[in-house]
């Protein structure tokens, strides 16, 4: 069972429907009990990092998310859900993240933001199970003004060119994260979600 975390900041039903299209059982939940019972966990998200962190904090589920990841079960962060994994963001003065991965979140400088629409992913790590069967330079759908800057460059799976190459997907042990929206990325996105369901 895939549990999609509901903290009021994401197109949850779209993510759930996309998983259902690839034959996965997915529920939406906002409590510690559901997180603990999950086989796989998904943290989606649209919007700003500071209110997102505050909402996760107010629900009291941050310790459960960290415990789930530490258990070694598959975890997927989507868009803002990827950014939340890191220590801090340039948004505002400095915005705190979950600190699960080392690194920060930076804003695109001197570029039109948000980056909204289709762009290519360049695959840097062939063995990532999330991208099995995905061709290099495939197009996926983005909507974001910030990007992650992982300290561990070995965790970078794909990069995308938007004025410069930025990290568009990461993989470290049981942790997966994508900056784009697989639920909006048609056939390619569905294949990625199917691969996650099979991890």
C-alpha atoms as a PDB file:
ATOM      1  CA  UNK A   1       0.000   0.000   0.000  1.00  0.00           C
ATOM      2  CA  UNK A   2       1.255   3.467  -0.967  1.00  0.00           C
ATOM      3  CA  UNK A   3       0.400   6.251   1.466  1.00  0.00           C
ATOM      4  CA  UNK A   4       0.302   9.810   0.099  1.00  0.00           C
ATOM      5  CA  UNK A   5       0.806  12.396   2.832  1.00  0.00           C
ATOM      6  CA  UNK A   6      -1.912  15.045   3.049  1.00  0.00           C
ATOM      7  CA  UNK A   7      -0.680  18.273   4.603  1.00  0.00           C
ATOM      8  CA  UNK A   8      -2.870  20.609   2.584  1.00  0.00           C
ATOM      9  CA  UNK A   9      -0.306  21.516  -0.089  1.00  0.00           C
ATOM     10  CA  UNK A  10      -0.567  19.386  -3.193  1.00  0.00           C
ATOM     11  CA  UNK A  11      -2.741  17.964  -5.926  1.00  0.00           C
ATOM     12  CA  UNK A  12      -3.175  14.783  -3.923  1.00  0.00           C
ATOM     13  CA  UNK A  13      -6.043  13.284  -5.864  1.00  0.00           C
ATOM     14  CA  UNK A  14      -4.111  13.661  -9.139  1.00  0.00           C
ATOM     15  CA  UNK A  15      -1.162  11.773  -7.622  1.00  0.00           C
ATOM     16  CA  UNK A  16      -3.469   9.094  -6.249  1.00  0.00           C
ATOM     17  CA  UNK A  17      -5.262   8.668  -9.585  1.00  0.00           C
ATOM     18  CA  UNK A  18      -1.932   8.393 -11.423  1.00  0.00           C
ATOM     19  CA  UNK A  19      -0.833   5.583  -9.095  1.00  0.00           C
ATOM     20  CA  UNK A  20      -4.183   3.856  -9.569  1.00  0.00           C
ATOM     21  CA  UNK A  21      -3.721   4.024 -13.351  1.00  0.00           C
ATOM     22  CA  UNK A  22      -0.579   1.911 -13.039  1.00  0.00           C
ATOM     23  CA  UNK A  23      -2.294  -0.638 -10.804  1.00  0.00           C
ATOM     24  CA  UNK A  24      -1.043   0.627  -7.436  1.00  0.00           C
ATOM     25  CA  UNK A  25      -3.163   0.847  -4.309  1.00  0.00           C
ATOM     26  CA  UNK A  26      -2.775   4.341  -2.882  1.00  0.00           C
ATOM     27  CA  UNK A  27      -4.450   6.099   0.020  1.00  0.00           C
ATOM     28  CA  UNK A  28      -4.298   9.715   1.206  1.00  0.00           C
ATOM     29  CA  UNK A  29      -3.641  10.238   4.930  1.00  0.00           C
ATOM     30  CA  UNK A  30      -2.460  12.874   7.402  1.00  0.00           C
ATOM     31  CA  UNK A  31      -1.662  10.927  10.579  1.00  0.00           C
ATOM     32  CA  UNK A  32       1.176   8.998  12.193  1.00  0.00           C
ATOM     33  CA  UNK A  33      -0.711   5.686  12.308  1.00  0.00           C
ATOM     34  CA  UNK A  34      -1.202   5.608   8.525  1.00  0.00           C
ATOM     35  CA  UNK A  35       2.446   6.519   7.922  1.00  0.00           C
ATOM     36  CA  UNK A  36       3.641   3.716  10.188  1.00  0.00           C
ATOM     37  CA  UNK A  37       1.432   1.169   8.369  1.00  0.00           C
ATOM     38  CA  UNK A  38       2.544   2.260   4.884  1.00  0.00           C
ATOM     39  CA  UNK A  39       4.605   0.008   2.632  1.00  0.00           C
ATOM     40  CA  UNK A  40       5.706   3.013   0.579  1.00  0.00           C
ATOM     41  CA  UNK A  41       5.390   6.714   1.357  1.00  0.00           C
ATOM     42  CA  UNK A  42       4.902   9.684  -0.981  1.00  0.00           C
ATOM     43  CA  UNK A  43       5.324  13.341   0.000  1.00  0.00           C
ATOM     44  CA  UNK A  44       3.937  15.517  -2.801  1.00  0.00           C
ATOM     45  CA  UNK A  45       3.649  19.284  -2.672  1.00  0.00           C
ATOM     46  CA  UNK A  46       2.984  22.543  -4.456  1.00  0.00           C
ATOM     47  CA  UNK A  47       3.797  25.968  -3.040  1.00  0.00           C
ATOM     48  CA  UNK A  48       6.236  27.452  -0.552  1.00  0.00           C
ATOM     49  CA  UNK A  49       8.555  25.521   1.740  1.00  0.00           C
ATOM     50  CA  UNK A  50       8.036  27.489   4.951  1.00  0.00           C
ATOM     51  CA  UNK A  51       4.253  27.013   5.267  1.00  0.00           C
ATOM     52  CA  UNK A  52       4.687  23.409   4.107  1.00  0.00           C
ATOM     53  CA  UNK A  53       7.138  22.676   6.927  1.00  0.00           C
ATOM     54  CA  UNK A  54       4.871  24.438   9.419  1.00  0.00           C
ATOM     55  CA  UNK A  55       1.881  22.356   8.342  1.00  0.00           C
ATOM     56  CA  UNK A  56       3.833  19.110   8.666  1.00  0.00           C
ATOM     57  CA  UNK A  57       4.933  20.298  12.099  1.00  0.00           C
ATOM     58  CA  UNK A  58       1.399  21.199  13.181  1.00  0.00           C
ATOM     59  CA  UNK A  59       0.173  17.727  12.175  1.00  0.00           C
ATOM     60  CA  UNK A  60       2.889  16.194  14.354  1.00  0.00           C
ATOM     61  CA  UNK A  61       3.977  13.791  11.621  1.00  0.00           C
ATOM     62  CA  UNK A  62       7.606  14.835  11.042  1.00  0.00           C
ATOM     63  CA  UNK A  63       9.004  12.210  13.472  1.00  0.00           C
ATOM     64  CA  UNK A  64       6.895   9.517  11.768  1.00  0.00           C
ATOM     65  CA  UNK A  65       8.180  10.524   8.327  1.00  0.00           C
ATOM     66  CA  UNK A  66      11.774  10.336   9.551  1.00  0.00           C
ATOM     67  CA  UNK A  67      11.176   6.976  11.254  1.00  0.00           C
ATOM     68  CA  UNK A  68       9.640   5.622   8.045  1.00  0.00           C
ATOM     69  CA  UNK A  69      12.661   6.667   5.985  1.00  0.00           C
ATOM     70  CA  UNK A  70      15.063   5.253   8.583  1.00  0.00           C
ATOM     71  CA  UNK A  71      13.219   1.914   8.358  1.00  0.00           C
ATOM     72  CA  UNK A  72      14.484   1.518   4.779  1.00  0.00           C
ATOM     73  CA  UNK A  73      11.087   1.442   3.073  1.00  0.00           C
ATOM     74  CA  UNK A  74      10.716   3.284  -0.264  1.00  0.00           C
ATOM     75  CA  UNK A  75      10.020   7.020  -0.024  1.00  0.00           C
ATOM     76  CA  UNK A  76       9.239   9.424  -2.885  1.00  0.00           C
ATOM     77  CA  UNK A  77       9.265  13.224  -2.665  1.00  0.00           C
ATOM     78  CA  UNK A  78       7.560  15.102  -5.507  1.00  0.00           C
ATOM     79  CA  UNK A  79       8.382  18.760  -6.302  1.00  0.00           C
ATOM     80  CA  UNK A  80       8.053  20.586  -2.953  1.00  0.00           C
ATOM     81  CA  UNK A  81       8.188  17.157  -1.313  1.00  0.00           C
ATOM     82  CA  UNK A  82      11.713  16.743  -2.717  1.00  0.00           C
ATOM     83  CA  UNK A  83      12.798  20.183  -1.496  1.00  0.00           C
ATOM     84  CA  UNK A  84      11.495  19.513   2.021  1.00  0.00           C
ATOM     85  CA  UNK A  85      13.987  16.652   2.402  1.00  0.00           C
ATOM     86  CA  UNK A  86      16.898  19.102   2.576  1.00  0.00           C
ATOM     87  CA  UNK A  87      18.254  21.213   5.422  1.00  0.00           C
ATOM     88  CA  UNK A  88      17.279  24.720   4.374  1.00  0.00           C
ATOM     89  CA  UNK A  89      15.964  26.919   1.561  1.00  0.00           C
ATOM     90  CA  UNK A  90      16.797  30.392   0.264  1.00  0.00           C
ATOM     91  CA  UNK A  91      13.082  31.154   0.358  1.00  0.00           C
ATOM     92  CA  UNK A  92      12.522  34.124   2.665  1.00  0.00           C
ATOM     93  CA  UNK A  93      15.563  34.794   4.839  1.00  0.00           C
ATOM     94  CA  UNK A  94      16.192  31.115   5.488  1.00  0.00           C
ATOM     95  CA  UNK A  95      13.577  28.397   5.652  1.00  0.00           C
ATOM     96  CA  UNK A  96      14.144  25.181   7.560  1.00  0.00           C
ATOM     97  CA  UNK A  97      13.658  21.794   5.898  1.00  0.00           C
ATOM     98  CA  UNK A  98      13.403  18.277   7.306  1.00  0.00           C
ATOM     99  CA  UNK A  99      17.181  17.810   7.193  1.00  0.00           C
ATOM    100  CA  UNK A 100      16.963  14.206   5.989  1.00  0.00           C
ATOM    101  CA  UNK A 101      19.444  14.938   3.190  1.00  0.00           C
ATOM    102  CA  UNK A 102      22.394  17.322   3.393  1.00  0.00           C
ATOM    103  CA  UNK A 103      22.192  20.359   1.148  1.00  0.00           C
ATOM    104  CA  UNK A 104      20.001  23.344   0.479  1.00  0.00           C
ATOM    105  CA  UNK A 105      17.331  24.676  -1.871  1.00  0.00           C
ATOM    106  CA  UNK A 106      18.211  27.598  -4.145  1.00  0.00           C
ATOM    107  CA  UNK A 107      16.169  30.034  -6.205  1.00  0.00           C
ATOM    108  CA  UNK A 108      16.692  30.425  -9.937  1.00  0.00           C
ATOM    109  CA  UNK A 109      18.565  33.700 -10.469  1.00  0.00           C
ATOM    110  CA  UNK A 110      17.971  36.043 -13.428  1.00  0.00           C
ATOM    111  CA  UNK A 111      15.460  33.648 -14.988  1.00  0.00           C
ATOM    112  CA  UNK A 112      11.721  33.720 -15.463  1.00  0.00           C
ATOM    113  CA  UNK A 113      10.101  31.898 -12.550  1.00  0.00           C
ATOM    114  CA  UNK A 114       8.385  29.644 -12.082  1.00  0.00           C
ATOM    115  CA  UNK A 115       9.759  27.312 -14.702  1.00  0.00           C
ATOM    116  CA  UNK A 116       6.432  26.008 -15.927  1.00  0.00           C
ATOM    117  CA  UNK A 117       6.021  23.432 -18.661  1.00  0.00           C
ATOM    118  CA  UNK A 118       7.883  20.600 -20.339  1.00  0.00           C
ATOM    119  CA  UNK A 119      11.645  20.131 -20.156  1.00  0.00           C
ATOM    120  CA  UNK A 120      14.132  17.309 -20.645  1.00  0.00           C
ATOM    121  CA  UNK A 121      15.804  15.144 -18.042  1.00  0.00           C
ATOM    122  CA  UNK A 122      19.372  14.003 -18.621  1.00  0.00           C
ATOM    123  CA  UNK A 123      19.948  10.719 -16.824  1.00  0.00           C
ATOM    124  CA  UNK A 124      23.244  10.560 -14.919  1.00  0.00           C
ATOM    125  CA  UNK A 125      22.707   7.274 -13.039  1.00  0.00           C
ATOM    126  CA  UNK A 126      21.593   4.376 -15.223  1.00  0.00           C
ATOM    127  CA  UNK A 127      20.877   1.961 -12.388  1.00  0.00           C
ATOM    128  CA  UNK A 128      18.241   4.022 -10.557  1.00  0.00           C
ATOM    129  CA  UNK A 129      15.130   1.793 -10.364  1.00  0.00           C
ATOM    130  CA  UNK A 130      12.836   4.837 -10.687  1.00  0.00           C
ATOM    131  CA  UNK A 131      14.057   5.437 -14.251  1.00  0.00           C
ATOM    132  CA  UNK A 132      14.087   1.860 -15.501  1.00  0.00           C
ATOM    133  CA  UNK A 133      12.826   1.873 -19.089  1.00  0.00           C
ATOM    134  CA  UNK A 134      12.971   5.689 -19.316  1.00  0.00           C
ATOM    135  CA  UNK A 135      14.934   7.063 -22.254  1.00  0.00           C
ATOM    136  CA  UNK A 136      17.526   9.773 -21.749  1.00  0.00           C
ATOM    137  CA  UNK A 137      16.294  13.284 -22.680  1.00  0.00           C
ATOM    138  CA  UNK A 138      12.660  12.352 -22.002  1.00  0.00           C
ATOM    139  CA  UNK A 139      10.327  15.290 -21.426  1.00  0.00           C
ATOM    140  CA  UNK A 140       8.550  15.768 -18.104  1.00  0.00           C
ATOM    141  CA  UNK A 141       6.419  18.543 -16.626  1.00  0.00           C
ATOM    142  CA  UNK A 142       7.852  21.161 -14.234  1.00  0.00           C
ATOM    143  CA  UNK A 143       6.395  23.968 -12.144  1.00  0.00           C
ATOM    144  CA  UNK A 144       8.906  25.467  -9.685  1.00  0.00           C
ATOM    145  CA  UNK A 145      11.004  28.502  -8.791  1.00  0.00           C
ATOM    146  CA  UNK A 146      13.540  26.700  -6.580  1.00  0.00           C
ATOM    147  CA  UNK A 147      15.811  23.701  -7.082  1.00  0.00           C
ATOM    148  CA  UNK A 148      17.725  21.395  -4.757  1.00  0.00           C
ATOM    149  CA  UNK A 149      21.485  21.524  -4.290  1.00  0.00           C
ATOM    150  CA  UNK A 150      22.493  18.169  -2.722  1.00  0.00           C
ATOM    151  CA  UNK A 151      25.804  18.023  -0.894  1.00  0.00           C
ATOM    152  CA  UNK A 152      26.146  14.383  -1.984  1.00  0.00           C
ATOM    153  CA  UNK A 153      26.551  14.662  -5.754  1.00  0.00           C
ATOM    154  CA  UNK A 154      26.388  10.856  -6.040  1.00  0.00           C
ATOM    155  CA  UNK A 155      22.700  11.156  -5.145  1.00  0.00           C
ATOM    156  CA  UNK A 156      21.957  13.108  -8.343  1.00  0.00           C
ATOM    157  CA  UNK A 157      20.106  10.890 -10.836  1.00  0.00           C
ATOM    158  CA  UNK A 158      18.972  13.421 -13.445  1.00  0.00           C
ATOM    159  CA  UNK A 159      19.739  17.024 -14.318  1.00  0.00           C
ATOM    160  CA  UNK A 160      17.745  19.479 -16.401  1.00  0.00           C
ATOM    161  CA  UNK A 161      18.834  22.621 -18.223  1.00  0.00           C
ATOM    162  CA  UNK A 162      17.050  25.828 -17.224  1.00  0.00           C
ATOM    163  CA  UNK A 163      19.640  28.544 -17.684  1.00  0.00           C
ATOM    164  CA  UNK A 164      22.029  26.067 -16.043  1.00  0.00           C
ATOM    165  CA  UNK A 165      21.932  22.374 -15.197  1.00  0.00           C
ATOM    166  CA  UNK A 166      20.016  21.782 -11.981  1.00  0.00           C
ATOM    167  CA  UNK A 167      19.239  18.575 -10.096  1.00  0.00           C
ATOM    168  CA  UNK A 168      15.848  17.282 -11.229  1.00  0.00           C
ATOM    169  CA  UNK A 169      15.879  13.871  -9.502  1.00  0.00           C
ATOM    170  CA  UNK A 170      17.759  12.259  -6.623  1.00  0.00           C
ATOM    171  CA  UNK A 171      18.210   8.750  -5.266  1.00  0.00           C
ATOM    172  CA  UNK A 172      19.925   7.764  -2.054  1.00  0.00           C
ATOM    173  CA  UNK A 173      19.304   4.248  -0.732  1.00  0.00           C
ATOM    174  CA  UNK A 174      15.506   4.069  -0.201  1.00  0.00           C
ATOM    175  CA  UNK A 175      14.936   7.795  -0.813  1.00  0.00           C
ATOM    176  CA  UNK A 176      13.757   8.978  -4.228  1.00  0.00           C
ATOM    177  CA  UNK A 177      12.850  12.530  -5.194  1.00  0.00           C
ATOM    178  CA  UNK A 178      11.809  14.300  -8.371  1.00  0.00           C
ATOM    179  CA  UNK A 179      11.496  18.041  -8.979  1.00  0.00           C
ATOM    180  CA  UNK A 180       8.999  17.518 -11.793  1.00  0.00           C
ATOM    181  CA  UNK A 181       5.416  16.279 -11.545  1.00  0.00           C
ATOM    182  CA  UNK A 182       5.155  12.656 -12.725  1.00  0.00           C
ATOM    183  CA  UNK A 183       1.362  12.784 -12.335  1.00  0.00           C
ATOM    184  CA  UNK A 184       1.338  15.506 -15.038  1.00  0.00           C
ATOM    185  CA  UNK A 185       4.035  13.954 -17.232  1.00  0.00           C
ATOM    186  CA  UNK A 186       1.790  11.586 -19.178  1.00  0.00           C
ATOM    187  CA  UNK A 187       3.308   8.255 -20.293  1.00  0.00           C
ATOM    188  CA  UNK A 188       6.802   8.976 -18.906  1.00  0.00           C
ATOM    189  CA  UNK A 189       5.438  10.063 -15.541  1.00  0.00           C
ATOM    190  CA  UNK A 190       3.198   7.027 -15.232  1.00  0.00           C
ATOM    191  CA  UNK A 191       6.153   4.751 -15.969  1.00  0.00           C
ATOM    192  CA  UNK A 192       8.139   6.437 -13.183  1.00  0.00           C
ATOM    193  CA  UNK A 193       5.277   5.953 -10.725  1.00  0.00           C
ATOM    194  CA  UNK A 194       4.918   2.321 -11.853  1.00  0.00           C
ATOM    195  CA  UNK A 195       8.645   1.823 -11.213  1.00  0.00           C
ATOM    196  CA  UNK A 196       8.292   3.303  -7.722  1.00  0.00           C
ATOM    197  CA  UNK A 197       5.403   0.958  -7.020  1.00  0.00           C
ATOM    198  CA  UNK A 198       7.660  -1.959  -7.944  1.00  0.00           C
ATOM    199  CA  UNK A 199      10.592  -0.915  -5.699  1.00  0.00           C
END
